[in-house]
PDB file of N, CA and C in Angstrom:
ATOM      1  N   MET A   1      11.718   6.380  22.403  1.00  0.00           N
ATOM      2  CA  MET A   1      10.268   6.304  22.357  1.00  0.00           C
ATOM      3  C   MET A   1       9.777   5.524  23.581  1.00  0.00           C
ATOM      4  N   ASP A   2       8.902   6.149  24.343  1.00  0.00           N
ATOM      5  CA  ASP A   2       8.346   5.508  25.533  1.00  0.00           C
ATOM      6  C   ASP A   2       7.130   4.683  25.163  1.00  0.00           C
ATOM      7  N   PHE A   3       6.980   3.558  25.824  1.00  0.00           N
ATOM      8  CA  PHE A   3       5.836   2.677  25.592  1.00  0.00           C
ATOM      9  C   PHE A   3       4.638   3.200  26.368  1.00  0.00           C
ATOM     10  N   ASP A   4       3.529   3.398  25.685  1.00  0.00           N
ATOM     11  CA  ASP A   4       2.291   3.871  26.303  1.00  0.00           C
ATOM     12  C   ASP A   4       1.441   2.659  26.656  1.00  0.00           C
ATOM     13  N   SER A   5       1.589   2.164  27.891  1.00  0.00           N
ATOM     14  CA  SER A   5       0.891   0.935  28.279  1.00  0.00           C
ATOM     15  C   SER A   5      -0.619   1.121  28.299  1.00  0.00           C
ATOM     16  N   LEU A   6      -1.100   2.261  28.778  1.00  0.00           N
ATOM     17  CA  LEU A   6      -2.542   2.501  28.801  1.00  0.00           C
ATOM     18  C   LEU A   6      -3.093   2.558  27.381  1.00  0.00           C
ATOM     19  N   GLY A   7      -2.377   3.218  26.495  1.00  0.00           N
ATOM     20  CA  GLY A   7      -2.793   3.278  25.096  1.00  0.00           C
ATOM     21  C   GLY A   7      -2.826   1.902  24.463  1.00  0.00           C
ATOM     22  N   PHE A   8      -1.847   1.070  24.816  1.00  0.00           N
ATOM     23  CA  PHE A   8      -1.801  -0.289  24.288  1.00  0.00           C
ATOM     24  C   PHE A   8      -3.020  -1.088  24.731  1.00  0.00           C
ATOM     25  N   VAL A   9      -3.351  -1.000  26.018  1.00  0.00           N
ATOM     26  CA  VAL A   9      -4.507  -1.736  26.538  1.00  0.00           C
ATOM     27  C   VAL A   9      -5.783  -1.260  25.857  1.00  0.00           C
ATOM     28  N   GLU A  10      -5.936   0.057  25.717  1.00  0.00           N
ATOM     29  CA  GLU A  10      -7.126   0.591  25.053  1.00  0.00           C
ATOM     30  C   GLU A  10      -7.201   0.129  23.598  1.00  0.00           C
ATOM     31  N   GLU A  11      -6.063   0.098  22.928  1.00  0.00           N
ATOM     32  CA  GLU A  11      -6.020  -0.367  21.537  1.00  0.00           C
ATOM     33  C   GLU A  11      -6.444  -1.832  21.437  1.00  0.00           C
ATOM     34  N   GLN A  12      -6.001  -2.644  22.391  1.00  0.00           N
ATOM     35  CA  GLN A  12      -6.371  -4.059  22.382  1.00  0.00           C
ATOM     36  C   GLN A  12      -7.869  -4.232  22.593  1.00  0.00           C
ATOM     37  N   PHE A  13      -8.455  -3.414  23.481  1.00  0.00           N
ATOM     38  CA  PHE A  13      -9.904  -3.479  23.683  1.00  0.00           C
ATOM     39  C   PHE A  13     -10.635  -3.093  22.405  1.00  0.00           C
ATOM     40  N   ASP A  14     -10.103  -2.089  21.694  1.00  0.00           N
ATOM     41  CA  ASP A  14     -10.718  -1.687  20.427  1.00  0.00           C
ATOM     42  C   ASP A  14     -10.636  -2.806  19.397  1.00  0.00           C
ATOM     43  N   LYS A  15      -9.511  -3.508  19.358  1.00  0.00           N
ATOM     44  CA  LYS A  15      -9.316  -4.580  18.383  1.00  0.00           C
ATOM     45  C   LYS A  15     -10.123  -5.829  18.714  1.00  0.00           C
ATOM     46  N   TYR A  16     -10.089  -6.225  19.981  1.00  0.00           N
ATOM     47  CA  TYR A  16     -10.616  -7.538  20.352  1.00  0.00           C
ATOM     48  C   TYR A  16     -11.893  -7.496  21.173  1.00  0.00           C
ATOM     49  N   GLY A  17     -12.338  -6.299  21.497  1.00  0.00           N
ATOM     50  CA  GLY A  17     -13.608  -6.186  22.202  1.00  0.00           C
ATOM     51  C   GLY A  17     -13.475  -6.170  23.709  1.00  0.00           C
ATOM     52  N   ASP A  18     -14.604  -6.072  24.324  1.00  0.00           N
ATOM     53  CA  ASP A  18     -14.712  -5.989  25.776  1.00  0.00           C
ATOM     54  C   ASP A  18     -14.237  -7.291  26.417  1.00  0.00           C
ATOM     55  N   PRO A  19     -13.379  -7.201  27.440  1.00  0.00           N
ATOM     56  CA  PRO A  19     -12.899  -8.431  28.084  1.00  0.00           C
ATOM     57  C   PRO A  19     -14.009  -9.243  28.733  1.00  0.00           C
ATOM     58  N   ALA A  20     -15.171  -8.644  28.945  1.00  0.00           N
ATOM     59  CA  ALA A  20     -16.295  -9.402  29.506  1.00  0.00           C
ATOM     60  C   ALA A  20     -16.703 -10.532  28.567  1.00  0.00           C
ATOM     61  N   SER A  21     -16.391 -10.379  27.280  1.00  0.00           N
ATOM     62  CA  SER A  21     -16.735 -11.433  26.321  1.00  0.00           C
ATOM     63  C   SER A  21     -15.978 -12.727  26.616  1.00  0.00           C
ATOM     64  N   PHE A  22     -14.858 -12.623  27.330  1.00  0.00           N
ATOM     65  CA  PHE A  22     -14.091 -13.815  27.669  1.00  0.00           C
ATOM     66  C   PHE A  22     -14.804 -14.678  28.709  1.00  0.00           C
ATOM     67  N   SER A  23     -15.778 -14.110  29.395  1.00  0.00           N
ATOM     68  CA  SER A  23     -16.492 -14.871  30.428  1.00  0.00           C
ATOM     69  C   SER A  23     -17.271 -16.034  29.832  1.00  0.00           C
ATOM     70  N   GLN A  24     -17.499 -16.010  28.534  1.00  0.00           N
ATOM     71  CA  GLN A  24     -18.225 -17.086  27.865  1.00  0.00           C
ATOM     72  C   GLN A  24     -17.308 -18.219  27.415  1.00  0.00           C
ATOM     73  N   MET A  25     -16.000 -18.024  27.555  1.00  0.00           N
ATOM     74  CA  MET A  25     -15.041 -19.039  27.118  1.00  0.00           C
ATOM     75  C   MET A  25     -14.831 -20.061  28.229  1.00  0.00           C
ATOM     76  N   ASN A  26     -14.579 -21.311  27.829  1.00  0.00           N
ATOM     77  CA  ASN A  26     -14.306 -22.335  28.840  1.00  0.00           C
ATOM     78  C   ASN A  26     -12.838 -22.279  29.265  1.00  0.00           C
ATOM     79  N   SER A  27     -12.492 -23.045  30.276  1.00  0.00           N
ATOM     80  CA  SER A  27     -11.143 -23.014  30.850  1.00  0.00           C
ATOM     81  C   SER A  27     -10.072 -23.364  29.827  1.00  0.00           C
ATOM     82  N   GLU A  28     -10.335 -24.354  28.995  1.00  0.00           N
ATOM     83  CA  GLU A  28      -9.339 -24.776  28.004  1.00  0.00           C
ATOM     84  C   GLU A  28      -9.064 -23.663  26.998  1.00  0.00           C
ATOM     85  N   GLU A  29     -10.108 -23.005  26.534  1.00  0.00           N
ATOM     86  CA  GLU A  29      -9.930 -21.900  25.586  1.00  0.00           C
ATOM     87  C   GLU A  29      -9.144 -20.756  26.223  1.00  0.00           C
ATOM     88  N   LEU A  30      -9.472 -20.435  27.469  1.00  0.00           N
ATOM     89  CA  LEU A  30      -8.756 -19.370  28.168  1.00  0.00           C
ATOM     90  C   LEU A  30      -7.298 -19.742  28.408  1.00  0.00           C
ATOM     91  N   ARG A  31      -7.041 -21.016  28.731  1.00  0.00           N
ATOM     92  CA  ARG A  31      -5.667 -21.468  28.951  1.00  0.00           C
ATOM     93  C   ARG A  31      -4.844 -21.325  27.678  1.00  0.00           C
ATOM     94  N   LYS A  32      -5.419 -21.757  26.554  1.00  0.00           N
ATOM     95  CA  LYS A  32      -4.708 -21.649  25.275  1.00  0.00           C
ATOM     96  C   LYS A  32      -4.441 -20.194  24.916  1.00  0.00           C
ATOM     97  N   MET A  33      -5.435 -19.349  25.133  1.00  0.00           N
ATOM     98  CA  MET A  33      -5.267 -17.933  24.830  1.00  0.00           C
ATOM     99  C   MET A  33      -4.189 -17.328  25.729  1.00  0.00           C
ATOM    100  N   SER A  34      -4.213 -17.685  26.999  1.00  0.00           N
ATOM    101  CA  SER A  34      -3.224 -17.182  27.952  1.00  0.00           C
ATOM    102  C   SER A  34      -1.816 -17.605  27.552  1.00  0.00           C
ATOM    103  N   LEU A  35      -1.657 -18.854  27.179  1.00  0.00           N
ATOM    104  CA  LEU A  35      -0.349 -19.347  26.753  1.00  0.00           C
ATOM    105  C   LEU A  35       0.127 -18.585  25.525  1.00  0.00           C
ATOM    106  N   GLY A  36      -0.781 -18.349  24.587  1.00  0.00           N
ATOM    107  CA  GLY A  36      -0.420 -17.593  23.391  1.00  0.00           C
ATOM    108  C   GLY A  36       0.079 -16.199  23.731  1.00  0.00           C
ATOM    109  N   TYR A  37      -0.594 -15.538  24.653  1.00  0.00           N
ATOM    110  CA  TYR A  37      -0.176 -14.198  25.054  1.00  0.00           C
ATOM    111  C   TYR A  37       1.128 -14.234  25.830  1.00  0.00           C
ATOM    112  N   GLN A  38       1.342 -15.275  26.622  1.00  0.00           N
ATOM    113  CA  GLN A  38       2.609 -15.397  27.346  1.00  0.00           C
ATOM    114  C   GLN A  38       3.761 -15.547  26.359  1.00  0.00           C
ATOM    115  N   LEU A  39       3.554 -16.341  25.312  1.00  0.00           N
ATOM    116  CA  LEU A  39       4.596 -16.518  24.301  1.00  0.00           C
ATOM    117  C   LEU A  39       4.866 -15.211  23.573  1.00  0.00           C
ATOM    118  N   LYS A  40       3.806 -14.487  23.231  1.00  0.00           N
ATOM    119  CA  LYS A  40       3.978 -13.191  22.570  1.00  0.00           C
ATOM    120  C   LYS A  40       4.702 -12.223  23.489  1.00  0.00           C
ATOM    121  N   GLY A  41       4.332 -12.224  24.767  1.00  0.00           N
ATOM    122  CA  GLY A  41       4.990 -11.350  25.732  1.00  0.00           C
ATOM    123  C   GLY A  41       6.466 -11.665  25.864  1.00  0.00           C
ATOM    124  N   THR A  42       6.796 -12.946  25.889  1.00  0.00           N
ATOM    125  CA  THR A  42       8.197 -13.356  25.971  1.00  0.00           C
ATOM    126  C   THR A  42       8.966 -12.865  24.753  1.00  0.00           C
ATOM    127  N   MET A  43       8.357 -12.963  23.578  1.00  0.00           N
ATOM    128  CA  MET A  43       9.010 -12.500  22.357  1.00  0.00           C
ATOM    129  C   MET A  43       9.214 -10.987  22.390  1.00  0.00           C
ATOM    130  N   PHE A  44       8.207 -10.246  22.844  1.00  0.00           N
ATOM    131  CA  PHE A  44       8.349  -8.795  22.934  1.00  0.00           C
ATOM    132  C   PHE A  44       9.438  -8.400  23.930  1.00  0.00           C
ATOM    133  N   ILE A  45       9.524  -9.102  25.045  1.00  0.00           N
ATOM    134  CA  ILE A  45      10.566  -8.811  26.032  1.00  0.00           C
ATOM    135  C   ILE A  45      11.942  -9.078  25.431  1.00  0.00           C
ATOM    136  N   TYR A  46      12.069 -10.170  24.687  1.00  0.00           N
ATOM    137  CA  TYR A  46      13.339 -10.480  24.024  1.00  0.00           C
ATOM    138  C   TYR A  46      13.701  -9.383  23.019  1.00  0.00           C
ATOM    139  N   LEU A  47      12.723  -8.976  22.202  1.00  0.00           N
ATOM    140  CA  LEU A  47      12.987  -7.937  21.206  1.00  0.00           C
ATOM    141  C   LEU A  47      13.363  -6.619  21.871  1.00  0.00           C
ATOM    142  N   LEU A  48      12.671  -6.272  22.943  1.00  0.00           N
ATOM    143  CA  LEU A  48      12.986  -5.046  23.672  1.00  0.00           C
ATOM    144  C   LEU A  48      14.392  -5.107  24.245  1.00  0.00           C
ATOM    145  N   SER A  49      14.745  -6.220  24.857  1.00  0.00           N
ATOM    146  CA  SER A  49      16.069  -6.382  25.439  1.00  0.00           C
ATOM    147  C   SER A  49      17.154  -6.264  24.376  1.00  0.00           C
ATOM    148  N   THR A  50      16.936  -6.904  23.248  1.00  0.00           N
ATOM    149  CA  THR A  50      17.898  -6.852  22.147  1.00  0.00           C
ATOM    150  C   THR A  50      18.041  -5.432  21.623  1.00  0.00           C
ATOM    151  N   ARG A  51      16.914  -4.748  21.459  1.00  0.00           N
ATOM    152  CA  ARG A  51      16.948  -3.364  20.970  1.00  0.00           C
ATOM    153  C   ARG A  51      17.713  -2.472  21.940  1.00  0.00           C
ATOM    154  N   GLN A  52      17.447  -2.613  23.232  1.00  0.00           N
ATOM    155  CA  GLN A  52      18.134  -1.796  24.229  1.00  0.00           C
ATOM    156  C   GLN A  52      19.633  -2.077  24.221  1.00  0.00           C
ATOM    157  N   GLU A  53      19.998  -3.335  24.066  1.00  0.00           N
ATOM    158  CA  GLU A  53      21.414  -3.692  24.015  1.00  0.00           C
ATOM    159  C   GLU A  53      22.087  -3.037  22.817  1.00  0.00           C
ATOM    160  N   HIS A  54      21.438  -3.088  21.659  1.00  0.00           N
ATOM    161  CA  HIS A  54      22.010  -2.465  20.461  1.00  0.00           C
ATOM    162  C   HIS A  54      22.121  -0.952  20.621  1.00  0.00           C
ATOM    163  N   GLU A  55      21.122  -0.335  21.239  1.00  0.00           N
ATOM    164  CA  GLU A  55      21.173   1.107  21.457  1.00  0.00           C
ATOM    165  C   GLU A  55      22.324   1.479  22.386  1.00  0.00           C
ATOM    166  N   LEU A  56      22.561   0.668  23.413  1.00  0.00           N
ATOM    167  CA  LEU A  56      23.687   0.932  24.310  1.00  0.00           C
ATOM    168  C   LEU A  56      25.021   0.782  23.588  1.00  0.00           C
ATOM    169  N   ILE A  57      25.127  -0.228  22.749  1.00  0.00           N
ATOM    170  CA  ILE A  57      26.356  -0.438  21.977  1.00  0.00           C
ATOM    171  C   ILE A  57      26.584   0.737  21.038  1.00  0.00           C
ATOM    172  N   GLU A  58      25.520   1.177  20.343  1.00  0.00           N
ATOM    173  CA  GLU A  58      25.636   2.313  19.425  1.00  0.00           C
ATOM    174  C   GLU A  58      26.034   3.582  20.172  1.00  0.00           C
ATOM    175  N   ALA A  59      25.425   3.813  21.332  1.00  0.00           N
ATOM    176  CA  ALA A  59      25.761   5.001  22.123  1.00  0.00           C
ATOM    177  C   ALA A  59      27.219   4.938  22.570  1.00  0.00           C
ATOM    178  N   GLY A  60      27.673   3.764  22.978  1.00  0.00           N
ATOM    179  CA  GLY A  60      29.069   3.597  23.378  1.00  0.00           C
ATOM    180  C   GLY A  60      30.022   3.844  22.221  1.00  0.00           C
ATOM    181  N   ASN A  61      29.658   3.373  21.031  1.00  0.00           N
ATOM    182  CA  ASN A  61      30.499   3.580  19.855  1.00  0.00           C
ATOM    183  C   ASN A  61      30.574   5.053  19.476  1.00  0.00           C
ATOM    184  N   LYS A  62      29.483   5.787  19.653  1.00  0.00           N
ATOM    185  CA  LYS A  62      29.478   7.217  19.331  1.00  0.00           C
ATOM    186  C   LYS A  62      30.356   8.008  20.290  1.00  0.00           C
ATOM    187  N   MET A  63      30.483   7.518  21.519  1.00  0.00           N
ATOM    188  CA  MET A  63      31.278   8.228  22.522  1.00  0.00           C
ATOM    189  C   MET A  63      32.772   8.007  22.335  1.00  0.00           C
ATOM    190  N   LYS A  64      33.144   6.991  21.571  1.00  0.00           N
ATOM    191  CA  LYS A  64      34.572   6.679  21.374  1.00  0.00           C
ATOM    192  C   LYS A  64      35.235   7.690  20.475  1.00  0.00           C
TER     193      LYS A  64
END
């Protein structure tokens, strides 16, 4: 399954609204939000890496 990055961005806009709304937030609020997204991104990268590793192991086992 391929990741649809454009679809993901559009979905986020639908969920959380227009990014222009962030212009009303102060620096501290934006920093906290950014950190939260960085942590989520790190977790998604870890999960993706783990999934890919398991898929490679499974494919290797099927070839044996």
